[in-house]
Amino acid sequence: MQAAITLSGLTLLPQHKAHTGWETLIINGQVGANVTFNCSGWDVWTGSRSNVKYLCQSPCKKDQHIIIKAESGKTSHKDRIHLDNKGKNLFVTITDLQMSDSKKFLCGLERYGPDSFIEVDLKVKHGKSVFSLFILTKYHRGGYSRQT
């Protein structure tokens, strides 16, 4: 199942990675904004509702790559990252995006045997101004002058 999803101005484009078997979520965000995405659709035979889920920095081959974990039914916070482990879903929120957040992450599902992963490619860009800031200066004929 491949569909584009838009949440709060973000576009999520799932892409199948044939060489890894992982699905990749491509997340676009702007500096200073918040992003929330959902890791779900784990490629496992058994249920994923009661499993610990986590976020780690790719390649996630060692425990020290794990950024934060959340027990089943729990919410966890670390710095600007919030995890909400709800059933089969892991909701990840990163607040106050920085350019340094542009990287690949993995959502992980702890299980017996190898863990299951969903790859997340977070791309942060400088945002475009959506409004003009103007400053009222002195009054002169015809009204206030403005500077932009």
Protein backbone atom coordinates (compact mmCIF):
# COMPACT_ATOMS: atom_id res chain seq x y z
CA MET A 1 0.00 0.00 0.00
CA GLN A 2 1.58 3.26 -1.11
CA ALA A 3 -0.19 6.54 -0.55
CA ALA A 4 0.87 10.09 0.09
CA ILE A 5 -0.34 11.45 3.42
CA THR A 6 -0.40 15.12 4.39
CA LEU A 7 -0.36 16.10 8.07
CA SER A 8 -0.05 19.68 9.28
CA GLY A 9 1.53 20.79 6.03
CA LEU A 10 3.92 17.83 5.85
CA THR A 11 3.94 15.33 3.03
CA LEU A 12 4.68 11.72 3.83
CA LEU A 13 5.59 9.58 0.84
CA PRO A 14 6.04 5.88 1.61
CA GLN A 15 8.59 4.19 -0.62
CA HIS A 16 9.50 0.53 -0.61
CA LYS A 17 13.20 -0.19 -0.19
CA ALA A 18 13.76 -3.47 -2.04
CA HIS A 19 17.27 -4.06 -0.70
CA THR A 20 16.22 -3.77 2.97
CA GLY A 21 12.56 -4.70 2.98
CA TRP A 22 11.86 -1.50 4.94
CA GLU A 23 9.31 1.10 4.06
CA THR A 24 10.69 4.64 4.06
CA LEU A 25 8.72 7.64 5.27
CA ILE A 26 9.98 10.85 3.69
CA ILE A 27 9.23 13.72 6.04
CA ASN A 28 9.69 17.37 5.00
CA GLY A 29 9.77 20.07 7.65
CA GLN A 30 10.88 23.65 8.19
CA VAL A 31 13.35 25.06 10.70
CA GLY A 32 11.53 26.03 13.89
CA ALA A 33 8.40 23.99 13.08
CA ASN A 34 7.21 20.74 14.68
CA VAL A 35 6.67 17.47 12.83
CA THR A 36 4.64 14.44 13.84
CA PHE A 37 4.68 11.19 11.93
CA ASN A 38 3.30 7.70 12.49
CA CYS A 39 5.37 4.55 12.19
CA SER A 40 3.00 1.64 11.58
CA GLY A 41 2.57 -1.33 9.28
CA TRP A 42 5.41 -3.27 10.88
CA ASP A 43 6.57 -6.18 8.74
CA VAL A 44 6.02 -8.87 11.41
CA TRP A 45 4.00 -12.08 11.57
CA THR A 46 2.89 -11.62 15.15
CA GLY A 47 1.12 -8.68 16.73
CA SER A 48 2.94 -5.47 17.54
CA ARG A 49 0.45 -3.97 19.99
CA SER A 50 2.27 -4.83 23.22
CA ASN A 51 5.86 -4.36 22.04
CA VAL A 52 8.34 -1.69 23.08
CA LYS A 53 8.95 0.73 20.22
CA TYR A 54 11.82 3.17 19.80
CA LEU A 55 13.49 5.78 17.62
CA CYS A 56 17.13 5.49 16.69
CA GLN A 57 19.62 7.13 14.41
CA SER A 58 20.40 5.09 11.31
CA PRO A 59 22.08 2.57 11.00
CA CYS A 60 20.80 1.51 14.47
CA LYS A 61 23.19 -1.42 14.83
CA LYS A 62 24.06 -0.78 18.49
CA ASP A 63 22.11 0.16 21.60
CA GLN A 64 23.88 3.53 21.74
CA HIS A 65 22.15 4.47 18.46
CA ILE A 66 18.78 4.32 20.24
CA ILE A 67 17.59 7.84 21.05
CA ILE A 68 14.44 7.05 23.01
CA LYS A 69 12.13 4.10 23.81
CA ALA A 70 8.46 3.90 24.78
CA GLU A 71 6.79 0.96 26.48
CA SER A 72 3.47 -0.26 25.11
CA GLY A 73 0.70 2.24 25.85
CA LYS A 74 3.17 4.81 27.20
CA THR A 75 4.53 8.20 26.16
CA SER A 76 8.22 9.12 26.47
CA HIS A 77 10.04 12.46 26.10
CA LYS A 78 13.70 13.25 25.56
CA ASP A 79 14.84 16.74 24.65
CA ARG A 80 12.77 17.76 21.60
CA ILE A 81 11.55 14.24 20.78
CA HIS A 82 8.27 12.75 22.00
CA LEU A 83 7.14 9.15 21.43
CA ASP A 84 3.61 7.86 21.89
CA ASN A 85 3.38 4.06 21.66
CA LYS A 86 -0.29 3.34 20.93
CA GLY A 87 -1.06 -0.22 19.93
CA LYS A 88 0.38 -0.95 16.48
CA ASN A 89 1.43 2.71 16.04
CA LEU A 90 4.42 4.72 17.17
CA PHE A 91 3.72 8.45 16.91
CA VAL A 92 6.92 10.50 16.82
CA THR A 93 6.97 14.28 17.34
CA ILE A 94 10.11 16.37 16.94
CA THR A 95 9.69 19.96 18.08
CA ASP A 96 11.56 23.09 17.04
CA LEU A 97 13.19 21.48 14.00
CA GLN A 98 16.83 22.34 13.32
CA MET A 99 18.89 21.83 10.15
CA SER A 100 20.91 19.26 12.13
CA ASP A 101 17.74 17.12 12.39
CA SER A 102 18.00 16.36 8.65
CA LYS A 103 19.04 12.70 8.70
CA LYS A 104 17.78 9.17 8.53
CA PHE A 105 16.13 7.66 11.56
CA LEU A 106 14.65 4.25 12.18
CA CYS A 107 11.49 3.48 14.11
CA GLY A 108 12.16 0.16 15.80
CA LEU A 109 9.89 -2.55 17.15
CA GLU A 110 11.43 -4.79 19.82
CA ARG A 111 10.60 -8.44 19.38
CA TYR A 112 12.06 -11.92 19.74
CA GLY A 113 14.63 -12.36 17.01
CA PRO A 114 15.63 -9.38 14.87
CA ASP A 115 13.76 -6.15 15.53
CA SER A 116 11.53 -4.74 12.81
CA PHE A 117 12.26 -1.26 11.41
CA ILE A 118 10.64 1.55 9.46
CA GLU A 119 13.06 4.02 7.91
CA VAL A 120 12.37 7.75 8.24
CA ASP A 121 14.16 10.27 6.04
CA LEU A 122 13.72 13.67 7.70
CA LYS A 123 14.52 16.64 5.48
CA VAL A 124 14.54 20.03 7.18
CA LYS A 125 14.72 23.22 5.14
CA HIS A 126 14.69 26.90 5.92
CA GLY A 127 11.09 28.05 5.70
CA LYS A 128 9.80 30.75 3.41
CA SER A 129 8.11 33.70 5.03
CA VAL A 130 4.36 33.42 4.64
CA PHE A 131 3.71 36.99 5.69
CA SER A 132 5.33 40.39 5.30
CA LEU A 133 6.62 42.08 8.39
CA PHE A 134 6.25 45.79 8.26
CA ILE A 135 7.17 48.47 10.73
CA LEU A 136 5.14 51.65 11.12
CA THR A 137 7.47 54.60 11.22
CA LYS A 138 6.52 58.25 11.23
CA TYR A 139 3.30 59.80 10.08
CA HIS A 140 3.48 61.87 6.92
CA ARG A 141 1.05 63.07 4.31
CA GLY A 142 -1.22 60.22 3.28
CA GLY A 143 -0.76 58.12 6.39
CA TYR A 144 1.92 56.00 7.96
CA SER A 145 4.93 54.99 5.94
CA ARG A 146 6.12 51.46 6.19
CA GLN A 147 9.37 49.64 5.75
CA THR A 148 9.58 45.99 4.78
